[in-house]
Amino acid sequence: MGSPLAEASWNGVEGAFYTGAGGAEPLWLFISIGLCVFALVAGLIHEGHSYRKAKRGE
């Protein structure tokens, strides 16, 4: 299985190539932080309801 490119090598590459530079990384960071906080709060609320339900003997 060969490469369809005439010269498929990394010889001409200089430096790092990062496609996300200057992009939306902060947006995705804050979205992921928000989802984690939401999951924590939802879990705490659910545990509180379950604890009160178990305490009543239901």
PDB file of N, CA and C in Angstrom:
ATOM      1  N   MET A   1       0.845  -1.181   0.000  1.00  0.00           N
ATOM      2  CA  MET A   1       0.000   0.000   0.000  1.00  0.00           C
ATOM      3  C   MET A   1       0.880   1.230   0.000  1.00  0.00           C
ATOM      4  N   GLY A   2       0.999   1.854  -1.113  1.00  0.00           N
ATOM      5  CA  GLY A   2       1.805   3.054  -1.223  1.00  0.00           C
ATOM      6  C   GLY A   2       0.958   4.305  -1.091  1.00  0.00           C
ATOM      7  N   SER A   3       1.603   5.424  -1.022  1.00  0.00           N
ATOM      8  CA  SER A   3       0.920   6.700  -0.927  1.00  0.00           C
ATOM      9  C   SER A   3       0.615   7.220  -2.323  1.00  0.00           C
ATOM     10  N   PRO A   4      -0.553   7.827  -2.507  1.00  0.00           N
ATOM     11  CA  PRO A   4      -0.869   8.385  -3.819  1.00  0.00           C
ATOM     12  C   PRO A   4      -0.115   9.686  -4.100  1.00  0.00           C
ATOM     13  N   LEU A   5       0.534  10.230  -3.100  1.00  0.00           N
ATOM     14  CA  LEU A   5       1.280  11.470  -3.285  1.00  0.00           C
ATOM     15  C   LEU A   5       2.645  11.177  -3.887  1.00  0.00           C
ATOM     16  N   ALA A   6       3.105  12.083  -4.702  1.00  0.00           N
ATOM     17  CA  ALA A   6       4.401  11.879  -5.356  1.00  0.00           C
ATOM     18  C   ALA A   6       5.533  11.833  -4.334  1.00  0.00           C
ATOM     19  N   GLU A   7       5.493  12.751  -3.378  1.00  0.00           N
ATOM     20  CA  GLU A   7       6.547  12.778  -2.364  1.00  0.00           C
ATOM     21  C   GLU A   7       5.879  12.834  -0.991  1.00  0.00           C
ATOM     22  N   ALA A   8       5.619  11.692  -0.412  1.00  0.00           N
ATOM     23  CA  ALA A   8       4.931  11.610   0.868  1.00  0.00           C
ATOM     24  C   ALA A   8       5.946  11.449   1.986  1.00  0.00           C
ATOM     25  N   SER A   9       6.510  12.563   2.437  1.00  0.00           N
ATOM     26  CA  SER A   9       7.458  12.520   3.548  1.00  0.00           C
ATOM     27  C   SER A   9       7.307  13.782   4.379  1.00  0.00           C
ATOM     28  N   TRP A  10       7.917  13.756   5.535  1.00  0.00           N
ATOM     29  CA  TRP A  10       7.879  14.894   6.449  1.00  0.00           C
ATOM     30  C   TRP A  10       9.125  15.762   6.297  1.00  0.00           C
ATOM     31  N   ASN A  11       9.884  15.574   5.267  1.00  0.00           N
ATOM     32  CA  ASN A  11      11.153  16.292   5.108  1.00  0.00           C
ATOM     33  C   ASN A  11      10.983  17.803   5.012  1.00  0.00           C
ATOM     34  N   GLY A  12       9.922  18.289   4.407  1.00  0.00           N
ATOM     35  CA  GLY A  12       9.741  19.720   4.222  1.00  0.00           C
ATOM     36  C   GLY A  12       8.988  20.416   5.338  1.00  0.00           C
ATOM     37  N   VAL A  13       8.628  19.693   6.387  1.00  0.00           N
ATOM     38  CA  VAL A  13       7.856  20.265   7.481  1.00  0.00           C
ATOM     39  C   VAL A  13       8.785  21.012   8.425  1.00  0.00           C
ATOM     40  N   GLU A  14       8.416  22.254   8.721  1.00  0.00           N
ATOM     41  CA  GLU A  14       9.204  23.065   9.657  1.00  0.00           C
ATOM     42  C   GLU A  14       8.300  23.558  10.772  1.00  0.00           C
ATOM     43  N   GLY A  15       8.627  23.254  11.992  1.00  0.00           N
ATOM     44  CA  GLY A  15       7.867  23.735  13.136  1.00  0.00           C
ATOM     45  C   GLY A  15       6.572  22.975  13.351  1.00  0.00           C
ATOM     46  N   ALA A  16       5.861  23.401  14.352  1.00  0.00           N
ATOM     47  CA  ALA A  16       4.604  22.755  14.722  1.00  0.00           C
ATOM     48  C   ALA A  16       3.455  23.332  13.919  1.00  0.00           C
ATOM     49  N   PHE A  17       2.491  22.513  13.631  1.00  0.00           N
ATOM     50  CA  PHE A  17       1.297  22.931  12.917  1.00  0.00           C
ATOM     51  C   PHE A  17       0.106  22.569  13.773  1.00  0.00           C
ATOM     52  N   TYR A  18      -0.497  23.578  14.393  1.00  0.00           N
ATOM     53  CA  TYR A  18      -1.620  23.357  15.287  1.00  0.00           C
ATOM     54  C   TYR A  18      -2.835  24.061  14.702  1.00  0.00           C
ATOM     55  N   THR A  19      -3.819  23.304  14.269  1.00  0.00           N
ATOM     56  CA  THR A  19      -4.964  23.883  13.575  1.00  0.00           C
ATOM     57  C   THR A  19      -5.909  24.623  14.507  1.00  0.00           C
ATOM     58  N   GLY A  20      -5.804  24.400  15.792  1.00  0.00           N
ATOM     59  CA  GLY A  20      -6.734  25.045  16.713  1.00  0.00           C
ATOM     60  C   GLY A  20      -6.236  26.350  17.290  1.00  0.00           C
ATOM     61  N   ALA A  21      -5.084  26.813  16.895  1.00  0.00           N
ATOM     62  CA  ALA A  21      -4.531  28.038  17.457  1.00  0.00           C
ATOM     63  C   ALA A  21      -5.431  29.223  17.142  1.00  0.00           C
ATOM     64  N   GLY A  22      -5.810  29.956  18.179  1.00  0.00           N
ATOM     65  CA  GLY A  22      -6.669  31.112  18.000  1.00  0.00           C
ATOM     66  C   GLY A  22      -8.119  30.752  17.736  1.00  0.00           C
ATOM     67  N   GLY A  23      -8.476  29.540  18.004  1.00  0.00           N
ATOM     68  CA  GLY A  23      -9.829  29.076  17.705  1.00  0.00           C
ATOM     69  C   GLY A  23     -10.756  29.138  18.897  1.00  0.00           C
ATOM     70  N   ALA A  24     -11.547  28.118  19.030  1.00  0.00           N
ATOM     71  CA  ALA A  24     -12.630  28.106  20.010  1.00  0.00           C
ATOM     72  C   ALA A  24     -12.314  27.253  21.238  1.00  0.00           C
ATOM     73  N   GLU A  25     -11.052  27.079  21.579  1.00  0.00           N
ATOM     74  CA  GLU A  25     -10.734  26.262  22.745  1.00  0.00           C
ATOM     75  C   GLU A  25     -11.349  26.797  24.037  1.00  0.00           C
ATOM     76  N   PRO A  26     -11.304  28.116  24.292  1.00  0.00           N
ATOM     77  CA  PRO A  26     -11.943  28.607  25.526  1.00  0.00           C
ATOM     78  C   PRO A  26     -13.440  28.306  25.554  1.00  0.00           C
ATOM     79  N   LEU A  27     -14.094  28.396  24.417  1.00  0.00           N
ATOM     80  CA  LEU A  27     -15.524  28.083  24.362  1.00  0.00           C
ATOM     81  C   LEU A  27     -15.773  26.641  24.787  1.00  0.00           C
ATOM     82  N   TRP A  28     -15.035  25.698  24.220  1.00  0.00           N
ATOM     83  CA  TRP A  28     -15.219  24.290  24.564  1.00  0.00           C
ATOM     84  C   TRP A  28     -14.811  24.008  25.996  1.00  0.00           C
ATOM     85  N   LEU A  29     -13.803  24.723  26.500  1.00  0.00           N
ATOM     86  CA  LEU A  29     -13.407  24.564  27.898  1.00  0.00           C
ATOM     87  C   LEU A  29     -14.555  24.947  28.819  1.00  0.00           C
ATOM     88  N   PHE A  30     -15.165  26.115  28.568  1.00  0.00           N
ATOM     89  CA  PHE A  30     -16.247  26.572  29.437  1.00  0.00           C
ATOM     90  C   PHE A  30     -17.506  25.722  29.271  1.00  0.00           C
ATOM     91  N   ILE A  31     -17.745  25.218  28.080  1.00  0.00           N
ATOM     92  CA  ILE A  31     -18.877  24.302  27.897  1.00  0.00           C
ATOM     93  C   ILE A  31     -18.662  23.027  28.707  1.00  0.00           C
ATOM     94  N   SER A  32     -17.451  22.476  28.670  1.00  0.00           N
ATOM     95  CA  SER A  32     -17.181  21.242  29.418  1.00  0.00           C
ATOM     96  C   SER A  32     -17.225  21.487  30.926  1.00  0.00           C
ATOM     97  N   ILE A  33     -16.730  22.643  31.375  1.00  0.00           N
ATOM     98  CA  ILE A  33     -16.820  22.973  32.804  1.00  0.00           C
ATOM     99  C   ILE A  33     -18.280  23.099  33.209  1.00  0.00           C
ATOM    100  N   GLY A  34     -19.080  23.763  32.376  1.00  0.00           N
ATOM    101  CA  GLY A  34     -20.505  23.909  32.670  1.00  0.00           C
ATOM    102  C   GLY A  34     -21.221  22.575  32.745  1.00  0.00           C
ATOM    103  N   LEU A  35     -20.895  21.661  31.836  1.00  0.00           N
ATOM    104  CA  LEU A  35     -21.519  20.338  31.872  1.00  0.00           C
ATOM    105  C   LEU A  35     -21.129  19.566  33.126  1.00  0.00           C
ATOM    106  N   CYS A  36     -19.884  19.699  33.540  1.00  0.00           N
ATOM    107  CA  CYS A  36     -19.449  19.020  34.763  1.00  0.00           C
ATOM    108  C   CYS A  36     -20.161  19.589  35.989  1.00  0.00           C
ATOM    109  N   VAL A  37     -20.290  20.905  36.061  1.00  0.00           N
ATOM    110  CA  VAL A  37     -20.994  21.536  37.187  1.00  0.00           C
ATOM    111  C   VAL A  37     -22.462  21.135  37.169  1.00  0.00           C
ATOM    112  N   PHE A  38     -23.067  21.124  35.981  1.00  0.00           N
ATOM    113  CA  PHE A  38     -24.465  20.699  35.871  1.00  0.00           C
ATOM    114  C   PHE A  38     -24.651  19.270  36.373  1.00  0.00           C
ATOM    115  N   ALA A  39     -23.750  18.362  35.969  1.00  0.00           N
ATOM    116  CA  ALA A  39     -23.848  16.968  36.407  1.00  0.00           C
ATOM    117  C   ALA A  39     -23.692  16.861  37.921  1.00  0.00           C
ATOM    118  N   LEU A  40     -22.801  17.649  38.489  1.00  0.00           N
ATOM    119  CA  LEU A  40     -22.606  17.630  39.941  1.00  0.00           C
ATOM    120  C   LEU A  40     -23.849  18.121  40.667  1.00  0.00           C
ATOM    121  N   VAL A  41     -24.405  19.238  40.224  1.00  0.00           N
ATOM    122  CA  VAL A  41     -25.599  19.797  40.872  1.00  0.00           C
ATOM    123  C   VAL A  41     -26.789  18.854  40.696  1.00  0.00           C
ATOM    124  N   ALA A  42     -26.978  18.320  39.499  1.00  0.00           N
ATOM    125  CA  ALA A  42     -28.091  17.394  39.270  1.00  0.00           C
ATOM    126  C   ALA A  42     -27.951  16.148  40.143  1.00  0.00           C
ATOM    127  N   GLY A  43     -26.725  15.649  40.294  1.00  0.00           N
ATOM    128  CA  GLY A  43     -26.491  14.489  41.155  1.00  0.00           C
ATOM    129  C   GLY A  43     -26.778  14.784  42.613  1.00  0.00           C
ATOM    130  N   LEU A  44     -26.365  15.964  43.061  1.00  0.00           N
ATOM    131  CA  LEU A  44     -26.635  16.347  44.453  1.00  0.00           C
ATOM    132  C   LEU A  44     -28.133  16.481  44.707  1.00  0.00           C
ATOM    133  N   ILE A  45     -28.848  17.065  43.773  1.00  0.00           N
ATOM    134  CA  ILE A  45     -30.306  17.203  43.926  1.00  0.00           C
ATOM    135  C   ILE A  45     -30.967  15.829  43.948  1.00  0.00           C
ATOM    136  N   HIS A  46     -30.555  14.950  43.054  1.00  0.00           N
ATOM    137  CA  HIS A  46     -31.137  13.611  43.003  1.00  0.00           C
ATOM    138  C   HIS A  46     -30.843  12.841  44.287  1.00  0.00           C
ATOM    139  N   GLU A  47     -29.615  12.946  44.773  1.00  0.00           N
ATOM    140  CA  GLU A  47     -29.269  12.246  46.015  1.00  0.00           C
ATOM    141  C   GLU A  47     -30.086  12.785  47.191  1.00  0.00           C
ATOM    142  N   GLY A  48     -30.313  14.087  47.215  1.00  0.00           N
ATOM    143  CA  GLY A  48     -31.135  14.661  48.285  1.00  0.00           C
ATOM    144  C   GLY A  48     -32.552  14.132  48.253  1.00  0.00           C
ATOM    145  N   HIS A  49     -33.129  14.061  47.069  1.00  0.00           N
ATOM    146  CA  HIS A  49     -34.488  13.517  46.933  1.00  0.00           C
ATOM    147  C   HIS A  49     -34.517  12.042  47.329  1.00  0.00           C
ATOM    148  N   SER A  50     -33.527  11.277  46.904  1.00  0.00           N
ATOM    149  CA  SER A  50     -33.476   9.844  47.224  1.00  0.00           C
ATOM    150  C   SER A  50     -33.297   9.630  48.723  1.00  0.00           C
ATOM    151  N   TYR A  51     -32.471  10.465  49.345  1.00  0.00           N
ATOM    152  CA  TYR A  51     -32.240  10.327  50.787  1.00  0.00           C
ATOM    153  C   TYR A  51     -33.527  10.606  51.549  1.00  0.00           C
ATOM    154  N   ARG A  52     -34.232  11.668  51.161  1.00  0.00           N
ATOM    155  CA  ARG A  52     -35.480  11.987  51.865  1.00  0.00           C
ATOM    156  C   ARG A  52     -36.532  10.906  51.644  1.00  0.00           C
ATOM    157  N   LYS A  53     -36.567  10.346  50.431  1.00  0.00           N
ATOM    158  CA  LYS A  53     -37.523   9.271  50.127  1.00  0.00           C
ATOM    159  C   LYS A  53     -37.204   8.024  50.954  1.00  0.00           C
ATOM    160  N   ALA A  54     -35.927   7.674  51.084  1.00  0.00           N
ATOM    161  CA  ALA A  54     -35.521   6.504  51.867  1.00  0.00           C
ATOM    162  C   ALA A  54     -35.794   6.737  53.356  1.00  0.00           C
ATOM    163  N   LYS A  55     -35.631   7.956  53.801  1.00  0.00           N
ATOM    164  CA  LYS A  55     -35.852   8.269  55.219  1.00  0.00           C
ATOM    165  C   LYS A  55     -37.336   8.133  55.580  1.00  0.00           C
ATOM    166  N   ARG A  56     -38.211   8.458  54.615  1.00  0.00           N
ATOM    167  CA  ARG A  56     -39.655   8.316  54.855  1.00  0.00           C
ATOM    168  C   ARG A  56     -40.084   6.856  54.792  1.00  0.00           C
ATOM    169  N   GLY A  57     -39.260   5.985  54.223  1.00  0.00           N
ATOM    170  CA  GLY A  57     -39.579   4.567  54.137  1.00  0.00           C
ATOM    171  C   GLY A  57     -40.353   4.182  52.905  1.00  0.00           C
ATOM    172  N   GLU A  58     -40.286   4.973  51.888  1.00  0.00           N
ATOM    173  CA  GLU A  58     -41.023   4.647  50.646  1.00  0.00           C
ATOM    174  C   GLU A  58     -40.250   3.691  49.794  1.00  0.00           C
TER     175      GLU A  58
END
